[in-house]
Protein backbone atom coordinates (compact mmCIF):
# COMPACT_ATOMS: atom_id res chain seq x y z
CA MET A 1 -66.32 5.14 -20.91
CA THR A 2 -65.48 2.62 -18.36
CA SER A 3 -63.60 4.13 -15.27
CA LEU A 4 -62.10 2.96 -12.17
CA TRP A 5 -63.55 5.58 -10.27
CA LEU A 6 -66.99 4.81 -9.17
CA ALA A 7 -68.27 7.83 -7.27
CA PRO A 8 -70.52 10.41 -9.16
CA ASP A 9 -68.41 13.33 -8.09
CA PRO A 10 -64.65 13.64 -8.38
CA LEU A 11 -62.38 13.73 -5.53
CA LEU A 12 -61.48 17.37 -4.42
CA LEU A 13 -58.12 18.12 -4.37
CA ALA A 14 -57.14 20.85 -2.09
CA SER A 15 -53.57 21.43 -3.44
CA ARG A 16 -52.08 23.12 -6.70
CA SER A 17 -49.32 20.60 -6.84
CA HIS A 18 -48.82 19.22 -10.13
CA ALA A 19 -47.07 16.14 -9.18
CA ARG A 20 -49.92 14.98 -6.77
CA ARG A 21 -52.38 15.86 -9.57
CA ALA A 22 -50.57 13.56 -12.11
CA LEU A 23 -50.24 10.93 -9.41
CA LEU A 24 -53.74 10.58 -8.74
CA GLU A 25 -54.76 11.02 -12.55
CA ALA A 26 -52.34 8.41 -13.61
CA ALA A 27 -53.79 5.96 -10.83
CA GLY A 28 -57.31 6.46 -12.37
CA ILE A 29 -58.65 8.67 -9.64
CA ARG A 30 -61.06 11.23 -11.07
CA ILE A 31 -60.28 14.58 -9.34
CA SER A 32 -60.88 18.29 -9.50
CA ILE A 33 -58.78 21.00 -8.17
CA GLN A 34 -59.53 23.74 -5.73
CA PRO A 35 -56.35 25.02 -3.64
CA ALA A 36 -56.89 26.03 -0.38
CA ALA A 37 -56.29 29.50 0.87
CA LEU A 38 -54.38 29.24 4.10
CA ASP A 39 -51.42 30.75 5.76
CA GLU A 40 -49.37 27.78 5.90
CA ARG A 41 -46.57 29.11 7.72
CA GLU A 42 -48.97 30.26 10.67
CA LEU A 43 -50.49 26.80 10.77
CA GLU A 44 -46.95 25.12 10.99
CA ALA A 45 -45.98 27.48 13.67
CA ARG A 46 -48.78 26.35 15.65
CA ALA A 47 -47.89 22.82 15.38
CA ALA A 48 -44.04 23.40 16.05
CA PRO A 49 -44.19 22.18 19.39
CA GLU A 50 -45.52 18.65 18.34
CA GLY A 51 -42.79 18.35 15.56
CA PRO A 52 -42.68 18.26 11.93
CA ARG A 53 -44.61 15.11 11.44
CA ALA A 54 -47.62 16.54 13.31
CA ALA A 55 -47.18 19.89 11.30
CA ALA A 56 -47.44 17.85 8.16
CA SER A 57 -50.44 16.26 9.44
CA LEU A 58 -52.23 19.54 10.70
CA LEU A 59 -51.48 21.37 7.39
CA ALA A 60 -53.05 18.52 5.42
CA GLY A 61 -56.16 18.47 7.48
CA ALA A 62 -56.46 22.21 7.44
CA LYS A 63 -56.30 22.35 3.75
CA ALA A 64 -58.91 19.72 3.25
CA ALA A 65 -61.22 21.34 5.81
CA ALA A 66 -61.05 24.90 4.44
CA VAL A 67 -62.12 23.62 0.88
CA ALA A 68 -64.59 21.16 2.39
CA MET A 69 -66.62 24.02 4.03
CA GLN A 70 -67.33 25.30 0.62
CA HIS A 71 -68.42 21.80 -0.96
CA PRO A 72 -71.14 20.10 1.24
CA GLY A 73 -71.26 16.40 0.85
CA ARG A 74 -67.84 16.03 -1.47
CA TYR A 75 -64.78 14.19 -0.34
CA VAL A 76 -61.87 16.60 0.07
CA LEU A 77 -58.13 15.45 0.03
CA GLY A 78 -55.68 17.79 1.39
CA ALA A 79 -51.80 17.11 1.62
CA ASP A 80 -48.51 18.40 2.85
CA GLN A 81 -45.06 17.75 3.47
CA THR A 82 -42.55 18.86 6.05
CA LEU A 83 -38.68 18.48 5.82
CA ALA A 84 -36.63 18.13 8.88
CA LEU A 85 -32.78 17.87 9.38
CA ASP A 86 -32.31 17.13 13.25
CA ASP A 87 -33.85 20.23 14.83
CA ARG A 88 -33.92 22.15 11.67
CA ARG A 89 -37.12 22.61 9.54
CA PHE A 90 -37.09 23.71 5.87
CA HIS A 91 -39.59 25.29 3.49
CA LYS A 92 -39.79 25.96 0.11
CA ALA A 93 -36.99 27.95 -1.21
CA ALA A 94 -38.11 31.68 -2.21
CA ASP A 95 -35.48 31.85 -5.18
CA ARG A 96 -32.44 30.11 -6.48
CA LYS A 97 -29.90 31.58 -3.93
CA ALA A 98 -32.23 30.40 -1.13
CA ALA A 99 -32.18 26.81 -2.84
CA ARG A 100 -28.52 26.62 -3.16
CA ALA A 101 -28.07 27.42 0.60
CA GLN A 102 -30.77 24.79 1.49
CA LEU A 103 -29.12 22.15 -0.62
CA LEU A 104 -25.74 22.94 0.89
CA ALA A 105 -27.07 22.47 4.29
CA LEU A 106 -28.54 18.98 3.27
CA ARG A 107 -25.63 17.83 1.44
CA GLY A 108 -24.05 14.68 2.74
CA LYS A 109 -26.51 14.36 5.47
CA THR A 110 -29.75 12.34 6.06
CA HIS A 111 -33.11 14.21 6.64
CA LEU A 112 -36.67 13.22 7.18
CA LEU A 113 -39.40 13.87 4.68
CA HIS A 114 -42.92 13.74 6.32
CA SER A 115 -45.82 13.40 3.74
CA ALA A 116 -49.36 13.63 5.24
CA ILE A 117 -52.78 13.49 3.80
CA ALA A 118 -56.40 13.69 5.19
CA VAL A 119 -59.89 13.44 3.76
CA VAL A 120 -62.54 15.65 5.10
CA ARG A 121 -66.06 15.56 4.27
CA ASP A 122 -68.79 17.77 5.91
CA GLY A 123 -66.49 19.00 8.77
CA GLN A 124 -65.41 15.68 9.66
CA THR A 125 -61.90 14.09 8.98
CA VAL A 126 -62.62 10.64 7.48
CA PHE A 127 -59.26 9.66 6.65
CA GLU A 128 -55.65 10.38 7.50
CA TYR A 129 -52.31 9.05 7.01
CA VAL A 130 -48.75 10.25 7.60
CA ASP A 131 -45.57 8.33 6.35
CA THR A 132 -41.85 9.32 6.64
CA ALA A 133 -38.88 8.74 4.21
CA ARG A 134 -35.26 9.05 5.27
CA MET A 135 -33.27 10.60 2.39
CA THR A 136 -29.60 10.68 2.33
CA MET A 137 -27.91 13.08 0.03
CA ARG A 138 -24.24 12.34 -1.44
CA ASN A 139 -21.57 14.67 -0.72
CA PHE A 140 -21.68 16.14 -4.34
CA SER A 141 -19.28 18.99 -5.32
CA ASP A 142 -19.98 22.57 -5.59
CA ALA A 143 -19.42 22.45 -9.33
CA PHE A 144 -22.33 19.69 -9.71
CA LEU A 145 -24.56 21.85 -7.36
CA ASP A 146 -24.13 25.03 -9.67
CA ARG A 147 -24.82 22.72 -12.64
CA TYR A 148 -27.83 21.22 -11.14
CA ILE A 149 -29.27 24.56 -10.12
CA GLU A 150 -28.64 25.95 -13.68
CA THR A 151 -30.45 22.69 -15.01
CA MET A 152 -33.39 22.74 -12.73
CA GLY A 153 -34.06 26.52 -12.63
CA ASP A 154 -37.08 27.96 -11.12
CA ALA A 155 -38.53 24.35 -10.57
CA LEU A 156 -36.32 24.27 -7.44
CA THR A 157 -38.71 26.42 -5.47
CA GLY A 158 -41.73 24.07 -6.54
CA SER A 159 -40.94 21.45 -3.69
CA VAL A 160 -40.05 21.70 -0.09
CA GLY A 161 -36.48 19.89 -0.54
CA CYS A 162 -35.65 21.86 -3.74
CA TYR A 163 -35.62 18.57 -5.57
CA GLN A 164 -37.78 16.64 -7.90
CA LEU A 165 -37.10 12.86 -7.32
CA GLU A 166 -38.88 11.94 -10.54
CA ALA A 167 -36.79 14.32 -12.37
CA ALA A 168 -32.94 15.32 -12.04
CA GLY A 169 -33.30 15.46 -8.40
CA ILE A 170 -32.66 11.80 -8.11
CA GLN A 171 -29.01 12.73 -8.76
CA LEU A 172 -28.75 14.30 -5.50
CA PHE A 173 -29.08 11.05 -3.34
CA GLU A 174 -27.02 8.46 -2.20
CA ARG A 175 -29.45 6.52 -0.46
CA ILE A 176 -33.33 6.48 -0.03
CA GLU A 177 -35.34 4.73 2.55
CA GLY A 178 -38.95 5.08 2.05
CA ASP A 179 -42.09 4.85 -0.26
CA TYR A 180 -41.62 6.44 -3.57
CA PHE A 181 -45.10 7.98 -3.59
CA THR A 182 -44.62 9.52 -0.26
CA ILE A 183 -41.57 11.21 -1.43
CA LEU A 184 -43.49 12.73 -4.38
CA GLY A 185 -45.98 14.04 -1.82
CA MET A 186 -48.79 11.71 -1.88
CA PRO A 187 -48.86 8.38 0.03
CA LEU A 188 -50.88 6.82 -2.53
CA LEU A 189 -51.54 3.12 -1.59
CA PRO A 190 -52.98 3.63 1.87
CA LEU A 191 -55.27 6.38 0.01
CA MET A 192 -56.33 4.03 -2.46
CA ARG A 193 -56.96 1.27 0.09
CA TRP A 194 -59.30 3.66 1.66
CA LEU A 195 -61.19 4.91 -1.16
CA ARG A 196 -61.86 0.99 -2.18
CA ASN A 197 -63.19 0.33 1.35
CA GLN A 198 -65.66 3.40 0.94
CA GLY A 199 -66.75 1.98 -2.60
CA LEU A 200 -65.31 5.09 -4.29
CA LEU A 201 -62.62 3.13 -6.31
CA ALA A 202 -63.03 -0.19 -7.98
CA ALA A 203 -61.96 -3.02 -5.75
């Protein structure tokens, strides 16, 4: 069967994100999955003085490096996102109550969503990229928020912003400035450009 992926081994994705997996597979990139087992909050705390953009980059690289140690010769892709509203940072909500509090804090305001990727092979970071999207939520009503939370259910806890832009989460927003794939957690076009340059993806 003809494939756009040219390497003998799949790209190893160090993430359990269904959205990232779906994006890569839909683009014709053959992947296998091995989530990294790391304390992300501890790593993010270490990067705190450098800001949320740097934290996203550190986390993506750390995930890729941890998995690459177990797979010599393989290209391992790590990815991460951080969300910041002014000086306040947000993480994935633990439950629906926490999601509601987070969405209330973001309502009517513009926040920054930083998406980072890193490719590691044999202990060396061979590619890294960070992109930022500006996300402005509309001033939705409390009644809408309650309905939205009920509609989304536990899916709210699956992303750092408690929204899925590719689903009903788009209804939260008034304005979006940035790349669609970046918002979904995978700056896909720069990654594919690098893969083509390496001869891993058909050019």
